[in-house]
Amino acid sequence: MKFFAVFRKTLREMSRDKWMLGLTVAFAPFFVLLYWLITAGGSTTYTILTINNDKGIQLADGTRFNAGQKAVAALKRVTYGDGQPILKPLPAANRAEAEPILRNRGAAAFILIPENFSQMIQNLQSGNRSATTQIIFGGDVSNPYYMVGVNLSLTAIDGYVLQATGQQPLIQYTEEPLGASAARTEFKTYVPGTLVFAVILLIFLASMTVAREIETGTLRRLQLTPMTSMELLGGITAALVLIGTAAFGLAFVVALIVGFRSQGPLWAAILVGAVTCLSVIGLGMVVASFTRTVSHAFVVANFPLGLMMFFSGVIYPLPKVTLFHLFGHEIGLYDFLPPTHAVAALNKILTLGTQLDQVVFELSALILLSVLYFAVGVWLFKRFHLQS
C-alpha cells in the first residue's frame, strides 16, 4: 500500500532531523510549563512593603495598643479561595530602605502607616470623628503588579478599621509614585520591553547569516584563504551589532513619534541595547553551530527566541524565583537570560529617570552574560564548522 509506504518514509525522514522533531514535540509541553512558571505553580502573590510608624497608645487597663500592627496583620488575611495568600507584607524601616526594593521590583508597592494611626482608631471607637489620619502609599506605577497590590492593601486596611470601630474610616490616602511612572500610559509602560524585543529578533538574522555561509560553501572557501576565524566572526558580529543597534534606535524613534518620552539619558539606553545585541548574536552563533542550512537555522532559532520573549519580562511580568543573593541583589531563575537585565535597566532609565551609575548591577550582569554567550557561540561554531 502506497499510503503505508509514504507513512514509513515520512517517519524515517523526520527521525533523521532530531532538532526539528524534538522542538516540534516539545513545543506544547513548553507552553504548559510556561503558564505554570508565570503563576509560580499556584496564584500570584503581591509583596507589599509596610512602613509602620504607628507609635501606639496605652489603654486604660495599662496595655499597649498598636493598630498599625493589626492593620499589617489584616494584609496577611487577604487570601484566595483555596487559602493561598494574595498579599505578602514585608517590613521596611523607612522610605529610604523601601525605594531601592521598589526600583528593582522586589515589591509591588509600599504602605506607610502614620504615627497617629492608633489614636485615630481609638477616637473612632469612642465616637469622635473629628480626627483624621493620612496613609501614604506608592511605588513604581509602571509595574504591572502595582495597581492590584495597592488596591487590595487599601481595601484590607479599610476593612480592619471598619471591623475595629464599626464606622467608616476617616483616612486620607496619598499616592507618591516613583519617578515619572505615574504619568505613564499603558503603552509607555511596555516601551522598554518592546525595545528589547526589537533586539531579540536579531537572533534570526544572526543565525541565518552564519548558516548561509555554511550552506553556500562560502565558509569552506574562506578557510582556504589566510583569513582567521576571529576575523570572519568578528566582521559578521560587527555588522550584526550595527544592524541591531539601528533597529533599537528605529524602534525608539517610532516610540518618540507616538508620544513616548524618556526620563533618563538616551545614550545610556542605547548602550544597554548595543550590549544586548552581543548576547543575542552569541545565541545566534550557538544556533548556527548545530545547523547547516538557512531554513534549519530559522526553525531552531525560534526556541531561544521563545525563551527570551516569555522568560525575561519582555512580554509578561514573571514572579521572582530567587535562587541566591549576590552583592545584596536577588539572583532569580530568569536572570541567566540577558534580556531580563536589559528590560530592568531600560525601565529604570526610560521610566524612572535613573542615571547609568544606578543601573551598574544590571549593566554588569548584561555584559557578563553577553560575553559568556558570545564566547560559547564562537567556541561551538569553531568546533563544528571551522576545524580543518
Protein backbone atom coordinates (compact mmCIF):
# COMPACT_ATOMS: atom_id res chain seq x y z
CA MET A 1 0.00 0.00 0.00
CA LYS A 2 1.43 3.40 -1.05
CA PHE A 3 -0.22 5.01 1.98
CA PHE A 4 1.87 2.98 4.43
CA ALA A 5 4.98 3.36 2.28
CA VAL A 6 4.68 7.16 2.42
CA PHE A 7 3.90 6.95 6.13
CA ARG A 8 7.06 4.95 6.87
CA LYS A 9 9.21 7.17 4.65
CA THR A 10 7.95 10.33 6.38
CA LEU A 11 8.72 8.92 9.80
CA ARG A 12 12.25 7.95 8.70
CA GLU A 13 12.92 11.42 7.30
CA MET A 14 11.61 13.13 10.42
CA SER A 15 13.70 10.88 12.68
CA ARG A 16 16.86 11.94 10.83
CA ASP A 17 16.25 15.60 11.72
CA LYS A 18 16.32 15.27 15.51
CA TRP A 19 16.40 19.01 16.17
CA MET A 20 13.23 19.83 14.28
CA LEU A 21 11.45 16.72 15.54
CA GLY A 22 12.47 17.41 19.15
CA LEU A 23 11.38 21.06 19.06
CA THR A 24 8.06 20.19 17.44
CA VAL A 25 7.29 17.60 20.08
CA ALA A 26 8.49 19.76 22.98
CA PHE A 27 6.63 22.93 21.99
CA ALA A 28 3.26 22.07 23.58
CA PRO A 29 4.81 20.92 26.89
CA PHE A 30 6.92 24.05 26.81
CA PHE A 31 3.81 26.27 26.85
CA VAL A 32 2.29 24.22 29.66
CA LEU A 33 5.49 24.81 31.66
CA LEU A 34 5.41 28.48 30.70
CA TYR A 35 2.00 29.10 32.24
CA TRP A 36 2.99 27.15 35.31
CA LEU A 37 6.03 29.37 35.80
CA ILE A 38 4.01 32.54 35.21
CA THR A 39 1.80 31.64 38.15
CA ALA A 40 4.72 30.16 40.14
CA GLY A 41 2.85 26.86 40.31
CA GLY A 42 -0.10 28.50 42.02
CA SER A 43 -1.50 32.01 42.33
CA THR A 44 0.28 35.35 42.13
CA THR A 45 1.41 36.83 45.45
CA TYR A 46 1.95 40.59 45.73
CA THR A 47 4.72 41.73 48.07
CA ILE A 48 3.82 44.94 49.93
CA LEU A 49 6.46 46.88 51.86
CA THR A 50 4.95 48.05 55.15
CA ILE A 51 6.45 51.05 56.92
CA ASN A 52 4.71 51.05 60.29
CA ASN A 53 5.40 54.37 62.01
CA ASP A 54 2.46 53.97 64.39
CA LYS A 55 3.60 54.79 67.93
CA GLY A 56 0.65 53.03 69.55
CA ILE A 57 -1.18 54.16 72.68
CA GLN A 58 -1.56 52.96 76.22
CA LEU A 59 -5.09 51.90 77.14
CA ALA A 60 -6.82 52.48 80.47
CA ASP A 61 -6.03 48.95 81.61
CA GLY A 62 -2.31 49.58 81.10
CA THR A 63 -1.89 47.50 77.92
CA ARG A 64 -0.36 48.83 74.74
CA PHE A 65 -2.47 49.07 71.62
CA ASN A 66 -0.78 49.30 68.21
CA ALA A 67 -3.34 49.50 65.43
CA GLY A 68 -0.55 49.63 62.83
CA GLN A 69 0.46 46.08 63.67
CA LYS A 70 -3.15 44.93 63.38
CA ALA A 71 -3.50 46.67 60.02
CA VAL A 72 -0.41 44.84 58.73
CA ALA A 73 -1.85 41.59 60.05
CA ALA A 74 -5.03 42.36 58.08
CA LEU A 75 -2.98 42.29 54.88
CA LYS A 76 -1.98 38.70 55.63
CA ARG A 77 -5.63 37.68 55.83
CA VAL A 78 -6.27 38.58 52.19
CA THR A 79 -6.26 35.16 50.52
CA TYR A 80 -7.52 33.29 47.51
CA GLY A 81 -10.42 30.85 47.77
CA ASP A 82 -8.00 27.98 48.41
CA GLY A 83 -6.36 29.82 51.30
CA GLN A 84 -3.19 30.89 49.48
CA PRO A 85 -2.10 34.43 50.41
CA ILE A 86 -2.62 37.22 47.92
CA LEU A 87 -0.62 39.84 49.80
CA LYS A 88 2.79 39.30 51.38
CA PRO A 89 3.65 42.13 53.83
CA LEU A 90 7.37 42.80 54.09
CA PRO A 91 8.51 45.25 56.81
CA ALA A 92 10.69 48.22 55.88
CA ALA A 93 12.22 50.69 58.30
CA ASN A 94 11.64 53.80 56.16
CA ARG A 95 11.21 55.14 52.64
CA ALA A 96 14.96 55.12 52.01
CA GLU A 97 15.03 51.37 52.61
CA ALA A 98 11.90 50.74 50.57
CA GLU A 99 12.74 52.67 47.39
CA PRO A 100 15.66 50.51 46.14
CA ILE A 101 13.49 47.41 46.56
CA LEU A 102 10.67 49.05 44.59
CA ARG A 103 13.04 50.20 41.86
CA ASN A 104 14.27 46.63 41.45
CA ARG A 105 10.63 45.44 41.51
CA GLY A 106 11.25 43.33 44.57
CA ALA A 107 7.84 44.50 45.80
CA ALA A 108 4.64 45.77 44.18
CA ALA A 109 4.14 48.85 46.38
CA PHE A 110 4.72 50.38 49.81
CA ILE A 111 2.21 51.36 52.53
CA LEU A 112 3.25 53.92 55.17
CA ILE A 113 1.15 53.85 58.35
CA PRO A 114 1.37 57.19 60.23
CA GLU A 115 2.31 57.77 63.85
CA ASN A 116 -1.24 58.65 64.99
CA PHE A 117 -2.97 55.64 63.45
CA SER A 118 -3.75 54.02 66.82
CA GLN A 119 -5.05 57.31 68.19
CA MET A 120 -7.36 57.67 65.20
CA ILE A 121 -8.74 54.17 65.78
CA GLN A 122 -9.39 54.96 69.47
CA ASN A 123 -11.14 58.22 68.53
CA LEU A 124 -13.43 56.35 66.17
CA GLN A 125 -14.15 53.72 68.82
CA SER A 126 -15.18 56.45 71.24
CA GLY A 127 -17.40 58.10 68.64
CA ASN A 128 -15.10 61.05 67.97
CA ARG A 129 -14.94 61.58 64.20
CA SER A 130 -13.15 64.92 64.30
CA ALA A 131 -9.62 63.47 63.92
CA THR A 132 -8.32 62.04 60.68
CA THR A 133 -5.06 60.48 59.59
CA GLN A 134 -3.15 60.00 56.36
CA ILE A 135 -1.80 56.78 54.88
CA ILE A 136 0.83 57.20 52.17
CA PHE A 137 1.27 54.56 49.51
CA GLY A 138 3.22 54.37 46.28
CA GLY A 139 5.77 52.59 44.15
CA ASP A 140 6.62 52.09 40.51
CA VAL A 141 3.26 52.69 38.83
CA SER A 142 4.54 51.14 35.60
CA ASN A 143 4.96 47.84 37.46
CA PRO A 144 2.03 45.63 36.29
CA TYR A 145 1.65 44.34 39.88
CA TYR A 146 1.39 47.83 41.41
CA MET A 147 -2.30 48.63 40.98
CA VAL A 148 -3.55 45.23 42.12
CA GLY A 149 -1.29 45.21 45.18
CA VAL A 150 -2.25 48.75 46.23
CA ASN A 151 -5.98 48.27 45.78
CA LEU A 152 -6.04 45.04 47.76
CA SER A 153 -3.90 46.55 50.54
CA LEU A 154 -6.03 49.66 50.98
CA THR A 155 -9.20 47.58 50.93
CA ALA A 156 -7.75 45.35 53.67
CA ILE A 157 -6.85 48.36 55.84
CA ASP A 158 -10.31 49.87 55.36
CA GLY A 159 -11.82 46.54 56.33
CA TYR A 160 -9.74 46.40 59.51
CA VAL A 161 -10.76 49.92 60.55
CA LEU A 162 -14.43 49.16 59.91
CA GLN A 163 -14.19 45.95 61.93
CA ALA A 164 -12.34 47.61 64.82
CA THR A 165 -14.54 50.70 65.09
CA GLY A 166 -17.82 49.83 63.43
CA GLN A 167 -17.51 53.07 61.44
CA GLN A 168 -16.16 54.07 58.05
CA PRO A 169 -12.51 55.15 58.39
CA LEU A 170 -11.55 58.81 58.30
CA ILE A 171 -8.35 58.17 56.38
CA GLN A 172 -6.87 60.27 53.62
CA TYR A 173 -4.84 58.22 51.15
CA THR A 174 -1.95 59.94 49.37
CA GLU A 175 -0.15 58.29 46.46
CA GLU A 176 3.56 59.05 45.93
CA PRO A 177 4.82 57.18 42.85
CA LEU A 178 8.48 56.72 41.91
CA GLY A 179 9.95 58.94 39.22
CA ALA A 180 7.61 59.67 36.33
CA SER A 181 5.95 56.27 36.48
CA ALA A 182 2.55 57.76 37.35
CA ALA A 183 2.47 59.77 34.13
CA ARG A 184 2.92 56.65 32.00
CA THR A 185 0.11 55.33 29.85
CA GLU A 186 -0.27 51.59 29.38
CA PHE A 187 1.61 51.85 26.08
CA LYS A 188 4.52 53.69 27.66
CA THR A 189 4.96 51.04 30.34
CA TYR A 190 5.60 48.47 27.60
CA VAL A 191 8.14 50.53 25.63
CA PRO A 192 11.25 49.20 27.46
CA GLY A 193 10.21 45.61 26.79
CA THR A 194 9.34 46.43 23.17
CA LEU A 195 12.79 47.91 22.58
CA VAL A 196 14.45 44.78 23.96
CA PHE A 197 12.16 42.67 21.78
CA ALA A 198 13.49 44.52 18.72
CA VAL A 199 16.98 43.36 19.70
CA ILE A 200 15.87 39.79 20.46
CA LEU A 201 14.58 39.42 16.90
CA LEU A 202 18.21 39.78 15.80
CA ILE A 203 18.68 36.10 16.61
CA PHE A 204 17.03 35.16 13.31
CA LEU A 205 19.35 37.34 11.27
CA ALA A 206 22.41 36.24 13.27
CA SER A 207 21.77 32.51 12.92
CA MET A 208 20.63 32.68 9.30
CA THR A 209 23.55 34.88 8.22
CA VAL A 210 26.09 32.43 9.60
CA ALA A 211 24.13 29.43 8.29
CA ARG A 212 24.09 30.95 4.82
CA GLU A 213 27.88 31.00 4.83
CA ILE A 214 27.80 27.27 5.54
CA GLU A 215 25.03 26.36 3.09
CA THR A 216 26.50 28.20 0.12
CA GLY A 217 30.00 26.82 0.68
CA THR A 218 31.43 30.27 1.30
CA LEU A 219 32.79 29.19 4.66
CA ARG A 220 34.86 26.40 3.11
CA ARG A 221 36.29 28.74 0.50
CA LEU A 222 37.18 31.28 3.18
CA GLN A 223 39.05 28.59 5.10
CA LEU A 224 41.44 28.28 2.13
CA THR A 225 42.42 31.94 2.49
CA PRO A 226 44.70 33.46 5.17
CA MET A 227 41.62 34.83 6.98
CA THR A 228 41.41 33.74 10.62
CA SER A 229 38.25 32.56 12.33
CA MET A 230 38.19 35.60 14.61
CA GLU A 231 38.39 37.89 11.59
CA LEU A 232 35.48 36.11 9.99
CA LEU A 233 33.28 36.01 13.07
CA GLY A 234 34.38 39.45 14.23
CA GLY A 235 33.37 41.03 10.92
CA ILE A 236 29.98 39.29 10.97
CA THR A 237 29.43 40.32 14.58
CA ALA A 238 30.31 43.95 13.96
CA ALA A 239 27.81 44.16 11.11
CA LEU A 240 25.10 42.49 13.19
CA VAL A 241 25.69 44.79 16.18
CA LEU A 242 25.37 47.76 13.86
CA ILE A 243 22.11 46.46 12.42
CA GLY A 244 20.75 45.54 15.86
CA THR A 245 21.59 48.95 17.32
CA ALA A 246 19.97 50.60 14.30
CA ALA A 247 16.82 48.51 14.86
CA PHE A 248 16.83 49.52 18.52
CA GLY A 249 17.22 53.16 17.59
CA LEU A 250 14.49 52.99 14.96
CA ALA A 251 12.07 51.41 17.43
CA PHE A 252 12.86 54.16 19.90
CA VAL A 253 12.30 56.87 17.27
CA VAL A 254 8.87 55.42 16.49
CA ALA A 255 8.08 55.42 20.22
CA LEU A 256 9.05 59.09 20.38
CA ILE A 257 6.84 59.90 17.41
CA VAL A 258 3.77 58.39 19.07
CA GLY A 259 4.35 60.24 22.33
CA PHE A 260 6.90 58.38 24.46
CA ARG A 261 9.43 60.47 26.38
CA SER A 262 12.50 59.18 28.17
CA GLN A 263 13.15 60.32 31.73
CA GLY A 264 16.81 59.28 31.63
CA PRO A 265 19.82 59.70 29.29
CA LEU A 266 19.26 58.28 25.81
CA TRP A 267 22.90 57.30 25.36
CA ALA A 268 22.66 55.00 28.38
CA ALA A 269 19.62 53.28 26.86
CA ILE A 270 21.43 52.84 23.53
CA LEU A 271 24.43 51.37 25.36
CA VAL A 272 22.15 48.79 27.00
CA GLY A 273 20.69 47.95 23.59
CA ALA A 274 24.12 47.51 21.98
CA VAL A 275 25.36 45.18 24.73
CA THR A 276 22.16 43.16 24.45
CA CYS A 277 22.84 42.75 20.72
CA LEU A 278 26.11 40.97 21.54
CA SER A 279 24.36 38.39 23.71
CA VAL A 280 21.69 37.72 21.08
CA ILE A 281 24.35 37.31 18.38
CA GLY A 282 26.12 34.82 20.64
CA LEU A 283 22.93 32.80 20.90
CA GLY A 284 22.56 33.06 17.12
CA MET A 285 26.01 31.52 16.70
CA VAL A 286 25.03 28.72 19.07
CA VAL A 287 22.04 28.04 16.82
CA ALA A 288 24.16 28.17 13.65
CA SER A 289 26.65 25.74 15.19
CA PHE A 290 24.01 23.00 15.13
CA THR A 291 22.55 23.83 11.71
CA ARG A 292 23.79 23.76 8.12
CA THR A 293 21.01 25.48 6.17
CA VAL A 294 19.21 28.80 6.44
CA SER A 295 15.78 27.20 6.80
CA HIS A 296 17.03 24.91 9.55
CA ALA A 297 18.57 27.85 11.41
CA PHE A 298 15.27 29.76 11.17
CA VAL A 299 13.31 26.91 12.75
CA VAL A 300 15.81 26.21 15.54
CA ALA A 301 16.16 29.93 16.39
CA ASN A 302 12.50 30.00 17.44
CA PHE A 303 13.30 28.06 20.61
CA PRO A 304 15.80 30.54 22.17
CA LEU A 305 13.57 33.33 20.86
CA GLY A 306 10.65 31.91 22.85
CA LEU A 307 12.79 31.60 25.97
CA MET A 308 13.91 35.22 25.75
CA MET A 309 10.42 36.50 24.92
CA PHE A 310 8.45 34.76 27.65
CA PHE A 311 11.00 34.32 30.45
CA SER A 312 12.76 37.69 30.54
CA GLY A 313 9.84 40.02 31.25
CA VAL A 314 9.77 41.39 27.70
CA ILE A 315 6.10 40.45 27.23
CA TYR A 316 4.80 39.02 30.51
CA PRO A 317 5.83 40.01 34.06
CA LEU A 318 7.06 36.95 35.91
CA PRO A 319 7.19 36.29 39.65
CA LYS A 320 10.64 36.37 41.21
CA VAL A 321 12.05 32.87 41.63
CA THR A 322 15.07 33.63 43.83
CA LEU A 323 17.97 31.18 43.72
CA PHE A 324 20.60 33.04 45.76
CA HIS A 325 21.85 36.52 46.67
CA LEU A 326 24.88 38.27 45.15
CA PHE A 327 26.22 41.63 46.37
CA GLY A 328 22.89 42.36 48.01
CA HIS A 329 20.88 41.55 44.88
CA GLU A 330 18.49 38.66 44.38
CA ILE A 331 19.53 36.33 41.56
CA GLY A 332 16.49 34.65 40.09
CA LEU A 333 15.87 31.75 37.76
CA TYR A 334 15.33 34.05 34.77
CA ASP A 335 18.36 36.24 35.45
CA PHE A 336 20.52 33.93 33.34
CA LEU A 337 18.78 35.33 30.26
CA PRO A 338 20.47 38.62 29.25
CA PRO A 339 17.23 40.37 28.16
CA THR A 340 15.99 40.12 31.78
CA HIS A 341 18.63 42.62 32.87
CA ALA A 342 18.14 44.72 29.73
CA VAL A 343 14.42 45.16 30.49
CA ALA A 344 15.16 46.08 34.13
CA ALA A 345 17.85 48.59 33.13
CA LEU A 346 15.74 50.23 30.43
CA ASN A 347 12.76 50.52 32.75
CA LYS A 348 14.88 52.35 35.30
CA ILE A 349 16.45 54.65 32.70
CA LEU A 350 13.45 55.40 30.50
CA THR A 351 10.64 55.37 33.08
CA LEU A 352 12.20 56.16 36.46
CA GLY A 353 14.83 58.58 35.12
CA THR A 354 17.84 56.95 36.76
CA GLN A 355 21.38 57.59 35.58
CA LEU A 356 23.86 55.00 34.35
CA ASP A 357 25.53 54.70 37.75
CA GLN A 358 22.22 53.48 39.20
CA VAL A 359 21.99 50.52 36.81
CA VAL A 360 25.55 49.31 37.31
CA PHE A 361 24.42 45.89 38.56
CA GLU A 362 22.05 45.31 35.63
CA LEU A 363 24.61 46.55 33.09
CA SER A 364 27.40 44.46 34.64
CA ALA A 365 25.24 41.34 34.60
CA LEU A 366 24.25 42.07 31.00
CA ILE A 367 27.88 42.50 29.91
CA LEU A 368 29.00 39.34 31.74
CA LEU A 369 26.23 37.21 30.24
CA SER A 370 26.75 38.72 26.78
CA VAL A 371 30.44 37.87 26.81
CA LEU A 372 29.65 34.39 28.11
CA TYR A 373 27.01 33.60 25.47
CA PHE A 374 29.14 35.08 22.71
CA ALA A 375 32.20 33.08 23.78
CA VAL A 376 30.16 29.86 23.89
CA GLY A 377 28.73 30.62 20.45
CA VAL A 378 32.16 31.26 18.93
CA TRP A 379 33.61 28.12 20.54
CA LEU A 380 30.81 25.88 19.29
CA PHE A 381 30.93 27.37 15.81
CA LYS A 382 34.69 26.89 15.56
CA ARG A 383 34.38 23.32 16.81
CA PHE A 384 31.67 22.23 14.41
CA HIS A 385 32.41 24.30 11.32
CA LEU A 386 35.90 25.82 11.35
CA GLN A 387 38.08 22.84 12.17
CA SER A 388 40.08 21.52 9.26
